[in-house]
């Protein structure tokens, strides 16, 4: 089952901590056919400009993500950062 798209990340902007909603799930791999991230469904330009977008722009992009993720045909073959960290933690225990 897929996790919800609405995650909260804290970022430092001009010396202050602000809350910015982000769909990132730390997969960060682009489907070359569609141009969408396998994890969140955003394009490279949207990912790069996410912090500069105002809340209304981010909400508009997030509204389009479920439909975009349906068009991604395959999952990345490489091990994701999240999977690697979980594997390493399990090995250390």
N, C-alpha and C. Protein backbone atom coordinates (compact mmCIF):
# COMPACT_ATOMS: atom_id res chain seq x y z
N UNK A 1 0.84 -1.19 0.00
CA UNK A 1 0.00 0.00 0.00
C UNK A 1 0.88 1.24 0.00
N UNK A 2 0.51 2.21 -0.77
CA UNK A 2 1.31 3.43 -0.93
C UNK A 2 1.07 4.38 0.24
N UNK A 3 2.13 4.99 0.73
CA UNK A 3 2.00 5.99 1.79
C UNK A 3 1.31 7.22 1.24
N UNK A 4 0.72 8.01 2.14
CA UNK A 4 0.08 9.26 1.74
C UNK A 4 1.11 10.21 1.16
N UNK A 5 0.67 11.14 0.36
CA UNK A 5 1.58 12.06 -0.30
C UNK A 5 1.93 13.28 0.54
N UNK A 6 1.26 13.48 1.65
CA UNK A 6 1.46 14.71 2.40
C UNK A 6 2.40 14.46 3.59
N UNK A 7 3.65 14.80 3.43
CA UNK A 7 4.65 14.66 4.49
C UNK A 7 5.13 16.05 4.85
N UNK A 8 5.60 16.21 6.07
CA UNK A 8 6.08 17.50 6.51
C UNK A 8 7.60 17.43 6.68
N UNK A 9 8.29 18.39 6.12
CA UNK A 9 9.74 18.50 6.26
C UNK A 9 10.03 19.85 6.86
N UNK A 10 11.04 19.93 7.71
CA UNK A 10 11.46 21.21 8.26
C UNK A 10 12.71 21.65 7.53
N UNK A 11 12.74 22.88 7.10
CA UNK A 11 13.89 23.43 6.40
C UNK A 11 14.26 24.75 7.04
N UNK A 12 15.52 25.12 6.93
CA UNK A 12 15.98 26.39 7.47
C UNK A 12 15.99 27.42 6.35
N UNK A 13 15.25 28.48 6.55
CA UNK A 13 15.17 29.56 5.58
C UNK A 13 15.55 30.86 6.31
N UNK A 14 16.57 31.49 5.84
CA UNK A 14 17.05 32.76 6.41
C UNK A 14 17.16 32.70 7.93
N UNK A 15 17.75 31.63 8.44
CA UNK A 15 18.02 31.53 9.87
C UNK A 15 16.82 31.10 10.71
N UNK A 16 15.68 30.86 10.11
CA UNK A 16 14.48 30.43 10.84
C UNK A 16 14.09 29.05 10.37
N UNK A 17 13.45 28.29 11.24
CA UNK A 17 12.91 27.01 10.84
C UNK A 17 11.48 27.21 10.38
N UNK A 18 11.18 26.75 9.19
CA UNK A 18 9.83 26.84 8.63
C UNK A 18 9.34 25.44 8.31
N UNK A 19 8.05 25.25 8.32
CA UNK A 19 7.47 23.96 7.96
C UNK A 19 7.03 24.05 6.50
N UNK A 20 7.52 23.10 5.70
CA UNK A 20 7.17 23.06 4.29
C UNK A 20 6.63 21.66 3.99
N UNK A 21 5.45 21.62 3.44
CA UNK A 21 4.86 20.34 3.07
C UNK A 21 5.58 19.81 1.84
N UNK A 22 5.89 18.51 1.87
CA UNK A 22 6.61 17.91 0.75
C UNK A 22 6.12 16.48 0.52
N UNK A 23 5.98 16.06 -0.74
CA UNK A 23 5.59 14.69 -1.05
C UNK A 23 6.78 13.73 -1.09
N UNK A 24 7.97 14.20 -0.82
CA UNK A 24 9.18 13.38 -0.93
C UNK A 24 9.13 12.18 0.00
N UNK A 25 9.47 10.99 -0.53
CA UNK A 25 9.58 9.78 0.28
C UNK A 25 10.98 9.19 0.20
N UNK A 26 11.94 10.01 -0.23
CA UNK A 26 13.36 9.66 -0.29
C UNK A 26 13.68 8.55 -1.29
N UNK A 27 12.91 8.45 -2.35
CA UNK A 27 13.24 7.50 -3.43
C UNK A 27 14.11 8.20 -4.45
N UNK A 28 13.77 9.37 -4.88
CA UNK A 28 14.60 10.27 -5.68
C UNK A 28 15.26 9.62 -6.89
N UNK A 29 14.46 9.11 -7.77
CA UNK A 29 14.94 8.54 -9.02
C UNK A 29 13.92 8.89 -10.10
N UNK A 30 14.40 9.42 -11.22
CA UNK A 30 13.50 9.92 -12.26
C UNK A 30 13.24 8.84 -13.32
N UNK A 31 11.97 8.65 -13.64
CA UNK A 31 11.56 7.77 -14.73
C UNK A 31 11.86 8.52 -16.03
N UNK A 32 12.75 7.99 -16.84
CA UNK A 32 13.18 8.69 -18.05
C UNK A 32 12.06 8.80 -19.08
N UNK A 33 11.10 7.89 -19.06
CA UNK A 33 10.00 7.93 -20.03
C UNK A 33 9.02 9.06 -19.72
N UNK A 34 8.64 9.22 -18.46
CA UNK A 34 7.65 10.23 -18.09
C UNK A 34 8.27 11.52 -17.57
N UNK A 35 9.49 11.44 -17.03
CA UNK A 35 10.12 12.60 -16.43
C UNK A 35 9.71 12.83 -14.99
N UNK A 36 8.96 11.88 -14.41
CA UNK A 36 8.50 12.01 -13.03
C UNK A 36 9.36 11.18 -12.09
N UNK A 37 9.49 11.66 -10.86
CA UNK A 37 10.20 10.91 -9.82
C UNK A 37 9.38 9.66 -9.48
N UNK A 38 10.05 8.52 -9.33
CA UNK A 38 9.36 7.29 -8.97
C UNK A 38 8.70 7.38 -7.60
N UNK A 39 9.30 8.14 -6.70
CA UNK A 39 8.79 8.22 -5.34
C UNK A 39 7.66 9.21 -5.16
N UNK A 40 7.84 10.44 -5.66
CA UNK A 40 6.86 11.49 -5.36
C UNK A 40 6.05 11.94 -6.57
N UNK A 41 6.54 11.71 -7.77
CA UNK A 41 5.80 12.09 -8.97
C UNK A 41 6.11 13.48 -9.50
N UNK A 42 7.02 14.20 -8.83
CA UNK A 42 7.36 15.54 -9.32
C UNK A 42 8.40 15.46 -10.43
N UNK A 43 8.48 16.54 -11.24
CA UNK A 43 9.51 16.65 -12.26
C UNK A 43 10.79 17.19 -11.61
N UNK A 44 11.90 17.13 -12.33
CA UNK A 44 13.16 17.68 -11.80
C UNK A 44 13.01 19.16 -11.48
N UNK A 45 12.37 19.91 -12.36
CA UNK A 45 12.19 21.35 -12.14
C UNK A 45 11.33 21.62 -10.90
N UNK A 46 10.31 20.82 -10.69
CA UNK A 46 9.46 21.00 -9.51
C UNK A 46 10.22 20.66 -8.23
N UNK A 47 11.03 19.63 -8.28
CA UNK A 47 11.84 19.26 -7.11
C UNK A 47 12.82 20.38 -6.79
N UNK A 48 13.50 20.88 -7.82
CA UNK A 48 14.51 21.92 -7.63
C UNK A 48 13.89 23.23 -7.14
N UNK A 49 12.70 23.54 -7.58
CA UNK A 49 12.08 24.81 -7.21
C UNK A 49 11.09 24.73 -6.06
N UNK A 50 11.00 23.57 -5.41
CA UNK A 50 9.98 23.34 -4.39
C UNK A 50 10.00 24.38 -3.26
N UNK A 51 11.16 24.67 -2.73
CA UNK A 51 11.25 25.60 -1.60
C UNK A 51 10.86 27.02 -2.03
N UNK A 52 11.13 27.38 -3.27
CA UNK A 52 10.81 28.72 -3.75
C UNK A 52 9.33 28.89 -4.08
N UNK A 53 8.59 27.79 -4.25
CA UNK A 53 7.17 27.88 -4.58
C UNK A 53 6.38 28.37 -3.37
N UNK A 54 5.29 29.08 -3.65
CA UNK A 54 4.41 29.47 -2.55
C UNK A 54 3.48 28.29 -2.24
N UNK A 55 2.81 28.31 -1.08
CA UNK A 55 1.96 27.17 -0.70
C UNK A 55 0.91 26.80 -1.73
N UNK A 56 0.33 27.77 -2.40
CA UNK A 56 -0.69 27.48 -3.42
C UNK A 56 -0.09 26.72 -4.60
N UNK A 57 1.10 27.10 -5.02
CA UNK A 57 1.77 26.38 -6.12
C UNK A 57 2.09 24.95 -5.70
N UNK A 58 2.59 24.76 -4.47
CA UNK A 58 2.90 23.40 -4.00
C UNK A 58 1.64 22.54 -3.94
N UNK A 59 0.53 23.12 -3.44
CA UNK A 59 -0.73 22.37 -3.38
C UNK A 59 -1.20 21.97 -4.77
N UNK A 60 -1.05 22.85 -5.76
CA UNK A 60 -1.45 22.54 -7.14
C UNK A 60 -0.64 21.37 -7.69
N UNK A 61 0.66 21.38 -7.44
CA UNK A 61 1.51 20.27 -7.90
C UNK A 61 1.10 18.99 -7.18
N UNK A 62 0.91 19.07 -5.86
CA UNK A 62 0.55 17.87 -5.09
C UNK A 62 -0.78 17.28 -5.52
N UNK A 63 -1.70 18.10 -5.97
CA UNK A 63 -2.99 17.60 -6.46
C UNK A 63 -2.82 16.74 -7.71
N UNK A 64 -1.79 17.02 -8.50
CA UNK A 64 -1.56 16.28 -9.74
C UNK A 64 -0.76 14.99 -9.53
N UNK A 65 -0.14 14.83 -8.37
CA UNK A 65 0.79 13.71 -8.18
C UNK A 65 0.17 12.32 -8.23
N UNK A 66 -0.98 12.06 -7.64
CA UNK A 66 -1.53 10.69 -7.72
C UNK A 66 -1.71 10.23 -9.16
N UNK A 67 -2.22 11.08 -10.03
CA UNK A 67 -2.42 10.70 -11.45
C UNK A 67 -1.08 10.48 -12.13
N UNK A 68 -0.10 11.31 -11.82
CA UNK A 68 1.23 11.14 -12.41
C UNK A 68 1.85 9.81 -12.01
N UNK A 69 1.74 9.46 -10.72
CA UNK A 69 2.34 8.23 -10.25
C UNK A 69 1.73 6.99 -10.91
N UNK A 70 0.50 7.10 -11.35
CA UNK A 70 -0.13 6.00 -12.09
C UNK A 70 0.54 5.78 -13.44
N UNK A 71 1.20 6.80 -14.00
CA UNK A 71 1.82 6.68 -15.32
C UNK A 71 3.24 6.14 -15.27
N UNK A 72 3.83 6.09 -14.09
CA UNK A 72 5.20 5.57 -13.95
C UNK A 72 5.13 4.06 -14.12
N UNK A 73 5.86 3.53 -15.09
CA UNK A 73 5.72 2.12 -15.47
C UNK A 73 6.54 1.13 -14.65
N UNK A 74 7.65 1.57 -14.12
CA UNK A 74 8.47 0.63 -13.37
C UNK A 74 9.07 1.33 -12.16
N UNK A 75 9.55 0.56 -11.25
CA UNK A 75 10.21 1.09 -10.08
C UNK A 75 11.72 1.07 -10.32
N UNK A 76 12.46 1.93 -9.64
CA UNK A 76 13.91 1.95 -9.86
C UNK A 76 14.54 0.62 -9.43
N UNK A 77 15.59 0.25 -10.14
CA UNK A 77 16.28 -1.01 -9.83
C UNK A 77 17.30 -0.85 -8.72
N UNK A 78 17.75 0.36 -8.52
CA UNK A 78 18.78 0.57 -7.50
C UNK A 78 18.16 0.55 -6.11
N UNK A 79 18.99 0.30 -5.14
CA UNK A 79 18.55 0.34 -3.76
C UNK A 79 18.37 1.80 -3.35
N UNK A 80 17.24 2.12 -2.76
CA UNK A 80 16.99 3.50 -2.34
C UNK A 80 17.75 3.79 -1.05
N UNK A 81 17.90 5.06 -0.76
CA UNK A 81 18.59 5.47 0.46
C UNK A 81 17.86 4.94 1.69
N UNK A 82 16.54 5.04 1.69
CA UNK A 82 15.76 4.56 2.83
C UNK A 82 15.96 3.06 3.04
N UNK A 83 15.93 2.27 1.97
CA UNK A 83 16.12 0.82 2.07
C UNK A 83 17.52 0.50 2.57
N UNK A 84 18.53 1.22 2.07
CA UNK A 84 19.90 0.98 2.50
C UNK A 84 20.07 1.27 3.99
N UNK A 85 19.52 2.38 4.46
CA UNK A 85 19.63 2.74 5.88
C UNK A 85 18.95 1.68 6.74
N UNK A 86 17.77 1.22 6.33
CA UNK A 86 17.06 0.18 7.09
C UNK A 86 17.86 -1.11 7.11
N UNK A 87 18.45 -1.48 5.96
CA UNK A 87 19.26 -2.70 5.90
C UNK A 87 20.47 -2.59 6.81
N UNK A 88 21.15 -1.46 6.78
CA UNK A 88 22.33 -1.27 7.62
C UNK A 88 21.99 -1.29 9.10
N UNK A 89 20.87 -0.70 9.46
CA UNK A 89 20.44 -0.74 10.87
C UNK A 89 20.13 -2.15 11.31
N UNK A 90 19.48 -2.92 10.44
CA UNK A 90 19.14 -4.30 10.77
C UNK A 90 20.41 -5.15 10.94
N UNK A 91 21.43 -4.88 10.13
CA UNK A 91 22.69 -5.62 10.23
C UNK A 91 23.43 -5.30 11.52
N UNK A 92 23.31 -4.05 12.00
CA UNK A 92 23.99 -3.63 13.20
C UNK A 92 23.37 -4.20 14.46
N UNK A 93 22.12 -4.65 14.39
CA UNK A 93 21.43 -5.16 15.58
C UNK A 93 21.71 -6.60 15.82
